[in-house]
Every structure is written in structure tokens, then in C-alpha cells.
Protein backbone atom coordinates (compact mmCIF):
# COMPACT_ATOMS: atom_id res chain seq x y z
CA MET A 1 34.82 -13.05 -22.81
CA ILE A 2 33.28 -9.56 -23.21
CA MET A 3 32.98 -8.43 -26.82
CA SER A 4 33.14 -4.70 -27.52
CA ARG A 5 30.97 -2.96 -30.10
CA ARG A 6 34.09 -2.33 -32.24
CA ARG A 7 35.01 -6.04 -32.23
CA LEU A 8 31.45 -7.01 -33.16
CA LEU A 9 31.39 -4.60 -36.13
CA GLY A 10 34.79 -5.83 -37.21
CA ARG A 11 33.64 -9.44 -37.22
CA LEU A 12 30.52 -8.56 -39.22
CA ALA A 13 32.57 -6.60 -41.76
CA ALA A 14 35.03 -9.45 -42.20
CA THR A 15 32.30 -11.99 -42.84
CA ALA A 16 30.06 -9.80 -44.98
CA ALA A 17 32.25 -10.34 -48.06
CA THR A 18 31.51 -14.05 -47.94
CA GLY A 19 27.82 -13.51 -47.21
CA ALA A 20 28.18 -14.93 -43.69
CA ALA A 21 27.26 -11.91 -41.59
CA PHE A 22 24.11 -13.55 -40.24
CA GLN A 23 26.07 -16.63 -39.31
CA ALA A 24 28.47 -14.46 -37.32
CA LEU A 25 25.54 -12.94 -35.47
CA SER A 26 24.13 -16.36 -34.66
CA ASN A 27 27.49 -17.36 -33.22
CA PHE A 28 27.62 -14.21 -31.05
CA SER A 29 26.44 -15.63 -27.73
CA LEU A 30 24.42 -13.87 -25.04
CA ALA A 31 27.26 -14.56 -22.66
CA GLU A 32 29.60 -12.52 -24.83
CA SER A 33 27.17 -9.59 -25.03
CA ALA A 34 26.28 -9.49 -21.31
CA PRO A 35 27.83 -6.67 -19.27
CA ALA A 36 30.46 -7.66 -16.77
CA PRO A 37 28.97 -7.99 -13.27
CA HIS A 38 30.03 -5.43 -10.69
CA ALA A 39 32.19 -6.84 -7.97
CA ASN A 40 30.08 -5.12 -5.30
CA THR A 41 26.65 -6.25 -6.58
CA LEU A 42 24.36 -6.91 -3.62
CA PRO A 43 21.67 -9.59 -3.46
CA THR A 44 18.06 -8.49 -3.83
CA PRO A 45 17.00 -6.69 -0.64
CA ILE A 46 14.32 -8.14 1.61
CA LEU A 47 11.52 -5.56 1.28
CA LEU A 48 9.59 -5.35 4.54
CA SER A 49 9.07 -1.60 4.39
CA ARG A 50 6.01 -0.76 2.27
CA ASN A 51 3.15 -3.01 3.42
CA GLU A 52 2.94 -4.82 0.09
CA ASN A 53 1.53 -8.28 -0.56
CA ALA A 54 4.84 -10.13 -0.84
CA TYR A 55 3.16 -13.02 -2.70
CA GLY A 56 1.93 -10.84 -5.56
CA PRO A 57 -1.37 -11.06 -7.46
CA SER A 58 -3.25 -14.23 -8.30
CA GLU A 59 -2.45 -16.27 -11.37
CA LYS A 60 -5.78 -15.21 -12.92
CA VAL A 61 -4.73 -11.58 -12.59
CA LEU A 62 -1.32 -12.29 -14.11
CA VAL A 63 -3.02 -13.92 -17.11
CA ALA A 64 -5.27 -10.86 -17.54
CA MET A 65 -2.27 -8.54 -17.36
CA ARG A 66 -0.33 -10.50 -19.97
CA GLU A 67 -3.31 -10.45 -22.32
CA ALA A 68 -3.83 -6.73 -21.74
CA LEU A 69 -0.25 -5.88 -22.72
CA SER A 70 -1.09 -6.35 -26.40
CA GLY A 71 -3.24 -3.21 -26.19
CA SER A 72 -0.82 -1.13 -24.15
CA HIS A 73 -0.22 1.22 -27.11
CA ARG A 74 -3.83 2.45 -26.79
CA TYR A 75 -5.18 5.07 -24.39
CA PRO A 76 -7.61 3.73 -21.76
CA GLY A 77 -11.12 3.36 -23.14
CA THR A 78 -13.86 0.96 -22.14
CA GLU A 79 -11.62 -0.59 -19.46
CA HIS A 80 -12.32 2.37 -17.17
CA ASP A 81 -16.11 2.08 -17.30
CA PHE A 82 -15.98 -1.71 -17.13
CA LEU A 83 -14.06 -1.51 -13.85
CA LEU A 84 -16.36 1.20 -12.48
CA ASN A 85 -19.40 -1.00 -13.11
CA LYS A 86 -17.73 -3.99 -11.52
CA ILE A 87 -16.83 -2.01 -8.37
CA ALA A 88 -20.35 -0.57 -8.24
CA ALA A 89 -21.86 -4.06 -8.40
CA LEU A 90 -19.52 -5.28 -5.67
CA HIS A 91 -20.51 -2.52 -3.26
CA ARG A 92 -24.12 -2.15 -4.44
CA VAL A 93 -23.72 1.51 -5.36
CA ARG A 94 -24.08 3.49 -8.60
CA PRO A 95 -21.08 3.88 -10.95
CA GLU A 96 -21.30 7.67 -10.60
CA GLN A 97 -20.43 7.25 -6.91
CA ILE A 98 -16.97 5.89 -7.74
CA VAL A 99 -13.78 7.70 -8.68
CA LEU A 100 -10.68 5.78 -9.73
CA GLY A 101 -7.21 6.99 -8.91
CA CYS A 102 -3.55 6.18 -9.42
CA GLY A 103 -3.45 4.22 -6.17
CA SER A 104 -5.32 5.37 -3.07
CA SER A 105 -2.59 8.01 -2.66
CA GLU A 106 -4.03 9.81 -5.69
CA ILE A 107 -7.46 9.75 -4.06
CA LEU A 108 -6.01 11.35 -0.93
CA ARG A 109 -4.41 14.07 -3.06
CA THR A 110 -7.70 14.87 -4.79
CA ALA A 111 -9.53 14.95 -1.44
CA ALA A 112 -7.00 17.46 -0.12
CA ALA A 113 -7.43 19.60 -3.24
CA ALA A 114 -11.23 19.45 -3.00
CA PHE A 115 -11.79 20.05 0.71
CA LEU A 116 -8.66 21.63 2.20
CA GLY A 117 -8.40 25.12 0.85
CA PRO A 118 -6.74 28.02 2.71
CA GLY A 119 -8.33 28.65 6.09
CA LYS A 120 -9.54 25.06 6.38
CA LYS A 121 -8.48 22.48 8.92
CA LEU A 122 -7.53 18.80 8.63
CA VAL A 123 -7.99 16.67 11.75
CA GLN A 124 -6.22 13.31 11.84
CA ALA A 125 -4.53 10.86 14.20
CA SER A 126 -0.84 10.85 15.05
CA PRO A 127 0.84 8.76 13.89
CA THR A 128 -1.14 7.81 10.83
CA CYS A 129 -0.54 7.57 7.08
CA PRO A 130 1.20 10.92 6.41
CA LEU A 131 0.12 11.38 2.78
CA LEU A 132 -3.02 13.46 3.29
CA GLY A 133 -1.32 15.88 5.66
CA GLY A 134 1.51 16.22 3.19
CA TYR A 135 -0.91 17.09 0.40
CA ALA A 136 -2.48 19.93 2.40
CA ARG A 137 -1.81 23.28 0.75
CA PRO A 138 -0.29 26.35 2.47
CA GLY A 139 -2.85 28.00 4.70
CA VAL A 140 -4.37 24.70 5.82
CA GLU A 141 -4.07 23.85 9.51
CA VAL A 142 -3.10 20.21 10.03
CA VAL A 143 -4.17 19.04 13.49
CA ASN A 144 -2.44 15.83 14.58
CA VAL A 145 -4.20 14.19 17.53
CA PRO A 146 -2.17 11.52 19.37
CA LEU A 147 -3.59 8.00 19.47
CA ASN A 148 -5.05 6.84 22.78
CA LYS A 149 -3.39 4.41 25.17
CA MET A 150 -4.64 1.48 23.08
CA TYR A 151 -3.04 3.05 19.99
CA GLU A 152 -6.48 3.57 18.48
CA HIS A 153 -7.96 6.83 17.20
CA ASP A 154 -8.73 9.13 20.14
CA LEU A 155 -12.11 10.14 18.75
CA SER A 156 -13.07 12.30 21.74
CA ALA A 157 -9.90 14.35 21.40
CA MET A 158 -10.35 14.58 17.63
CA LEU A 159 -13.92 15.79 18.09
CA ALA A 160 -12.72 18.46 20.51
CA ARG A 161 -10.38 19.83 17.81
CA ALA A 162 -13.03 19.88 15.08
CA ASP A 163 -14.98 23.06 14.41
CA ALA A 164 -16.74 24.88 11.58
CA SER A 165 -13.42 25.43 9.79
CA THR A 166 -12.67 21.69 9.65
CA GLY A 167 -12.84 20.74 6.01
CA LEU A 168 -11.82 17.13 6.43
CA VAL A 169 -11.34 14.44 9.06
CA TYR A 170 -9.11 11.51 8.11
CA ILE A 171 -9.50 8.05 9.67
CA CYS A 172 -7.20 5.26 8.51
CA ASN A 173 -8.73 2.06 9.86
CA PRO A 174 -6.88 -0.23 10.48
CA ASN A 175 -4.39 2.48 11.13
CA ASN A 176 -1.02 2.74 9.44
CA PRO A 177 1.58 2.43 11.01
CA THR A 178 0.16 0.82 14.15
CA GLY A 179 -2.11 -1.81 12.57
CA THR A 180 -4.69 -1.10 15.29
CA LEU A 181 -8.43 -1.02 14.72
CA THR A 182 -10.92 1.55 15.97
CA ALA A 183 -14.40 0.14 16.60
CA ARG A 184 -16.94 1.00 13.93
CA LYS A 185 -19.67 1.89 16.45
CA ASP A 186 -17.38 4.50 18.00
CA ILE A 187 -16.63 5.99 14.59
CA GLU A 188 -20.35 6.20 13.83
CA VAL A 189 -21.00 8.14 17.05
CA PHE A 190 -18.04 10.39 16.29
CA ILE A 191 -19.23 11.21 12.77
CA ALA A 192 -22.74 12.07 13.99
CA LYS A 193 -21.29 14.71 16.34
CA LEU A 194 -19.06 16.44 13.76
CA PRO A 195 -20.02 19.84 12.32
CA ALA A 196 -22.46 19.46 9.43
CA SER A 197 -19.98 20.93 6.94
CA THR A 198 -17.12 18.56 7.82
CA MET A 199 -16.25 15.80 5.35
CA VAL A 200 -14.92 12.45 6.58
CA LEU A 201 -12.49 10.27 4.65
CA ILE A 202 -12.23 6.69 5.89
CA ASP A 203 -9.20 4.89 4.50
CA GLU A 204 -9.85 1.14 4.35
CA ALA A 205 -6.64 0.15 2.57
CA TYR A 206 -6.08 -2.70 5.06
CA HIS A 207 -9.70 -3.70 5.66
CA HIS A 208 -9.38 -7.13 4.02
CA PHE A 209 -6.85 -8.21 6.64
CA VAL A 210 -9.30 -7.70 9.52
CA SER A 211 -10.96 -10.80 10.89
CA GLY A 212 -14.54 -10.69 9.68
CA THR A 213 -16.94 -9.68 12.44
CA SER A 214 -20.12 -7.62 12.37
CA THR A 215 -18.67 -5.17 14.90
CA ASN A 216 -15.87 -4.27 12.47
CA ALA A 217 -17.93 -4.18 9.29
CA SER A 218 -16.58 -2.00 6.49
CA PHE A 219 -18.39 1.24 5.75
CA LEU A 220 -18.85 -0.21 2.26
CA ASP A 221 -20.24 -3.55 3.42
CA ARG A 222 -22.66 -1.80 5.76
CA THR A 223 -23.16 1.75 4.58
CA LEU A 224 -23.72 4.77 6.78
CA ASN A 225 -26.48 7.05 5.58
CA ASP A 226 -24.34 10.18 5.62
CA SER A 227 -23.29 11.96 2.42
CA ARG A 228 -20.25 13.48 4.16
CA VAL A 229 -18.49 10.10 4.33
CA MET A 230 -16.03 8.99 1.65
CA ILE A 231 -14.50 5.49 1.74
CA VAL A 232 -11.17 4.77 0.08
CA ARG A 233 -9.93 1.36 -1.07
CA THR A 234 -6.81 0.22 -2.90
CA PHE A 235 -5.68 -2.69 -5.05
CA SER A 236 -2.14 -2.33 -3.67
CA LYS A 237 -2.53 -4.50 -0.58
CA ILE A 238 -4.42 -7.78 -0.50
CA TYR A 239 -4.80 -7.90 -4.30
CA GLY A 240 -1.01 -7.61 -4.74
CA LEU A 241 -1.14 -4.83 -7.34
CA ALA A 242 0.95 -2.08 -5.72
CA GLY A 243 2.99 -1.66 -8.91
CA MET A 244 -0.15 -1.14 -11.02
CA ARG A 245 -1.11 1.99 -9.03
CA ILE A 246 -4.87 1.77 -8.78
CA GLY A 247 -7.35 2.67 -6.05
CA TYR A 248 -10.83 4.14 -5.73
CA VAL A 249 -13.18 6.10 -3.53
CA VAL A 250 -16.90 5.60 -3.01
CA ALA A 251 -18.86 8.76 -2.20
CA ALA A 252 -22.15 10.51 -2.79
CA PRO A 253 -22.57 11.40 -6.51
CA ASP A 254 -22.02 15.15 -6.02
CA ILE A 255 -18.93 14.51 -3.89
CA ALA A 256 -17.59 12.06 -6.46
CA ARG A 257 -17.99 14.69 -9.19
CA ARG A 258 -16.14 17.21 -7.06
CA LEU A 259 -13.27 14.77 -6.52
CA SER A 260 -13.16 13.92 -10.23
CA GLY A 261 -12.60 17.57 -11.04
CA HIS A 262 -9.26 17.47 -9.24
CA GLY A 263 -7.92 14.27 -10.81
CA PRO A 264 -6.15 13.52 -14.11
CA GLN A 265 -8.18 12.44 -17.13
CA PHE A 266 -6.18 9.26 -17.64
CA GLY A 267 -5.19 8.49 -14.06
CA VAL A 268 -5.59 4.72 -14.48
CA GLY A 269 -4.00 2.79 -17.34
CA ALA A 270 -5.77 0.11 -19.35
CA VAL A 271 -3.53 -2.70 -18.10
CA SER A 272 -4.08 -1.62 -14.49
CA ALA A 273 -7.85 -1.45 -14.98
CA LYS A 274 -7.98 -4.94 -16.49
CA ALA A 275 -5.78 -6.31 -13.71
CA ALA A 276 -8.05 -4.76 -11.07
CA ALA A 277 -11.18 -6.14 -12.74
CA ALA A 278 -9.67 -9.63 -12.80
CA ALA A 279 -8.69 -9.26 -9.14
CA LEU A 280 -12.27 -8.48 -8.17
CA ASP A 281 -13.40 -11.65 -9.92
CA ASP A 282 -10.95 -13.83 -7.98
CA SER A 283 -12.65 -13.86 -4.58
CA GLU A 284 -11.03 -17.20 -3.74
CA TYR A 285 -7.60 -15.59 -3.88
CA VAL A 286 -8.72 -12.75 -1.58
CA PHE A 287 -10.02 -15.25 0.95
CA MET A 288 -6.82 -17.30 0.74
CA ALA A 289 -4.59 -14.21 0.97
CA ALA A 290 -6.39 -12.99 4.10
CA LYS A 291 -6.10 -16.42 5.70
CA ARG A 292 -2.40 -16.66 4.79
CA ASN A 293 -1.74 -13.19 6.15
CA ALA A 294 -3.35 -14.11 9.46
CA SER A 295 -1.11 -17.17 9.65
CA ASP A 296 2.01 -15.15 8.78
CA ARG A 297 1.06 -12.51 11.33
CA GLN A 298 0.62 -15.12 14.04
CA GLU A 299 3.99 -16.68 13.20
CA PHE A 300 5.60 -13.25 13.49
CA MET A 301 4.05 -12.84 16.94
CA ASN A 302 5.30 -16.30 17.89
CA GLN A 303 8.83 -15.21 17.06
CA VAL A 304 8.33 -11.95 18.96
CA ASN A 305 7.27 -13.90 22.03
CA ALA A 306 10.12 -16.38 21.66
CA ARG A 307 12.54 -13.48 22.02
CA MET A 308 10.58 -11.94 24.90
CA LEU A 309 9.84 -8.86 22.82
CA ARG A 310 6.61 -6.87 22.55
CA ALA A 311 4.47 -5.87 19.58
CA LEU A 312 1.11 -4.19 19.04
CA ASP A 313 -1.86 -6.38 18.18
CA SER A 314 -2.12 -5.88 14.42
CA HIS A 315 -5.15 -6.16 12.14
CA ALA A 316 -3.12 -5.48 8.98
CA ASN A 317 -0.24 -6.96 6.99
CA PHE A 318 2.43 -5.34 9.12
CA VAL A 319 3.35 -5.23 12.80
CA MET A 320 4.71 -2.51 15.07
CA MET A 321 7.33 -4.14 17.26
CA LYS A 322 8.94 -2.53 20.29
CA SER A 323 12.70 -2.60 20.09
CA PRO A 324 15.00 -3.19 23.06
CA HIS A 325 17.70 -1.32 21.12
CA PRO A 326 17.78 2.30 19.82
CA VAL A 327 15.57 2.32 16.75
CA ASP A 328 18.05 4.20 14.56
CA LEU A 329 20.69 1.58 15.25
CA VAL A 330 18.24 -1.25 14.50
CA PHE A 331 17.24 0.34 11.21
CA GLU A 332 20.86 0.75 10.14
CA HIS A 333 21.77 -2.78 11.23
CA LEU A 334 18.94 -4.26 9.18
CA LYS A 335 19.71 -2.05 6.20
CA LYS A 336 23.40 -3.00 6.31
CA ASN A 337 22.31 -6.63 6.10
CA ASN A 338 19.99 -5.92 3.17
CA VAL A 339 16.73 -6.09 5.13
CA LEU A 340 14.55 -2.99 4.69
CA VAL A 341 11.86 -2.01 7.18
CA ALA A 342 9.94 1.27 7.48
CA PRO A 343 12.06 4.26 8.51
CA PRO A 344 11.85 5.26 12.19
CA ILE A 345 8.56 6.91 13.13
CA PRO A 346 9.15 9.98 15.37
CA GLU A 347 5.89 9.62 17.31
CA MET A 348 6.78 6.03 18.24
CA ASN A 349 10.54 6.19 18.63
CA LYS A 350 10.81 2.86 20.44
CA TYR A 351 9.07 0.84 17.72
CA ILE A 352 9.83 -0.41 14.23
CA ARG A 353 7.20 -1.25 11.61
CA VAL A 354 7.78 -4.57 9.85
CA SER A 355 5.74 -5.54 6.80
CA LEU A 356 4.97 -9.25 6.60
CA GLY A 357 6.91 -11.03 3.86
CA THR A 358 7.10 -14.59 2.64
CA PRO A 359 8.34 -17.27 5.07
CA ALA A 360 11.78 -17.02 3.43
CA ASP A 361 11.75 -13.22 3.89
CA MET A 362 10.84 -13.52 7.56
CA LEU A 363 13.45 -16.20 8.16
CA GLN A 364 16.03 -13.75 6.85
CA PHE A 365 14.62 -10.93 8.99
CA TRP A 366 14.92 -12.92 12.19
CA ARG A 367 18.33 -14.26 11.24
CA VAL A 368 19.61 -10.71 10.81
CA TRP A 369 17.78 -9.53 13.93
CA ASP A 370 19.53 -12.17 16.00
CA LEU A 371 22.91 -10.91 14.78
CA MET A 372 22.51 -7.63 16.65
CA PRO A 373 24.93 -7.31 19.58
CA GLY A 374 23.29 -8.29 22.83
CA GLN A 375 20.32 -9.91 21.11
CA LYS A 376 19.25 -13.28 22.49
CA MET A 377 19.39 -15.93 19.79
CA ASN A 378 16.41 -18.12 18.97
CA THR A 379 17.44 -21.68 18.20
CA ASN A 380 13.92 -22.76 17.15
CA MET A 381 14.08 -21.29 13.64
């Protein structure tokens, strides 16, 4: 039975004369106070659209977050510097080389503000993460260079479009949305040939998901002696902290100061900073999460092959799968069945990008996929 506010006040008034108002409140059950459910309430959607870590952060991080909540009424203080020092120790750089941001998206915004003024040029792949191009101010030329036949950065074509007016080159590696990896040695050669005034931003948001080999070493694990290079990382992916909004960039001290001048004073909250610091301490979870992602990715490819479909070889926590059906219809079919994938990508209008979820999430994805008209069913799931 749903109790209205008027009925509740009436009951309290009636019992107050006998000194039993508190007893009436104790008898007022949560079931009575709960709002009536809507008849059309949908189940929780399966989120396979934003390249998140579907398993969430480690238990150690959750403990740190719960403990940090008691100080959430305070502005960030020592938490900021504590995290800076921890990141600096991890990458063997100085704290003044690091700038924190509200997710790596905030770092991209500050880079655009710092290096892409009117008359400047941004050179990037197409398709790639669209944020930086979107942050470019009026008067900035955004040059989108199509990926090569392997869906990697076409560095030769990008170099041909770079000139003295190029303020920034953006390389997302592994690339979003394709999940493909451009060889480090090729990027090194490319950077050496760029105009001396051109800055390079290497986005390593998905680096942890790459199988560890010396040929694909991070630009933080094996630094390049070039002050034009900025490397961006995030806690949103393998660490499972997308909701905490925290990322960082490592750059030369003067470049870091320039970036800091375009960011907010309190861009990272105290709870987020403590969560990130705890995440850095839990290297076992990072190793396990990378191993689990590789297994989930392989299982996704197994299901792709079982249906005689095609997908790009991914080095991230998502996969670009070629659809035998019109992509718009696939997107709407999945959405209608409460499964959300990335919106259609114009440059790759025969593919859909699917973030890897938990086994239960992926079971639901394939179940819904197999419901599409004309789709061959897979009886092995």
C-alpha cells in the first residue's frame, strides 16, 4: 500500500496526543514509503558503448574510496601532490612533468587550448578519438588523414600534411575506434621528420591492453628524448575508474606548465586522487585485468568466427566488427533490445564497435545479435 504525505502526517498527529508519534514512525515500513514502480520500467541496459572496464576497480581501490568519502566535504589538498609523486615514481620522471586532469578528455582540451590557436593546424587519423578535433577553436584547420589498409595510422600521409603551421599531431595508439596498433619504431621515425615547432600528443589510454613486447613499448616505459612529445594516460580504462574522471599527461617541465595554465585549479577531486593512488599500488589487479581482457577478447573473436563474421584484430578492450546488415539497423535492433554499442562511425559505415563486457553481458549481446532477421544462430552458447 502506498502512503501519501497527508496520510503520514495525519497518523503522526493522531498518535502525538498519546506520545506515540515515534512508534508510528517505526511502524511506517519502507515498502509503504517506496514509490510505485512504473509499468514500463526497463531492465538495466547492457553497456557495451564506452570502452569501460565492465568489472570495475579492484577491491583495494574500493576500500580507499570508501575511506576517502569521510573527507569529501574538504577541497583537495595533499592528495593531489601525493598522486603526482606516485605517478612520477612509476614513470621515473619529475613531479613537475605531470599534469592531472578530469579524465584524459580534460588533458586533450588543455592541449587544444595551449597549441591550437587560430591559424594553426591539427593533424590526426580518421577515424580516431574525436575529442581533440572537437576542442579545436575556430580558425584551426583540422586535417583528418584516413587510416591505411591495415587500419593503422598512415604516418607517411600524415607527414605530408604537416607543415610549419601544424601546432599539434595527435596519435591515439592503440587507436579508438579500431583497436589497431601502430608500431612504435614507425612513430619514432615519423616524429623525427616533423617540423621542429610541431608538438605531438600520444594518447595511450588503451596501452595496458596491449600484449607486452619490446617492439610496442610505451613512450613512458621507454622514453623518447624529444621535448615535443606529450604522453596521455587515463584511469578510466584498465583501472576501472571512468566515473572518477581522472587522467594525466607526462611532458617536459615547460610544456607541463603551459598545459597547467589552461586547466582548472581543482580539476581532480580528493576521492578521485586517492582512488587513483590506490589503483597504482595494486599492480596485481592491473596484470589480472589485462589477462582477463585478453581472454574476453579472444572469446569475442571465437563467437565472431562461429558466425562467419569478420572483425579487426584489436589490441584494446573493444572490437570493431564488420556487419553483414546495415549498421543503422543493427544499432537500432540492439538498442531496442537494451544492448548499447557505440553509435555508427561514418568513416567505417560497415562496422560496429563493441566494448567488451562481462561474460553475462556478452552472452546477452550474442543472444540479441542472433535474433536479427536472417542472422545464423549459434547453438554453442
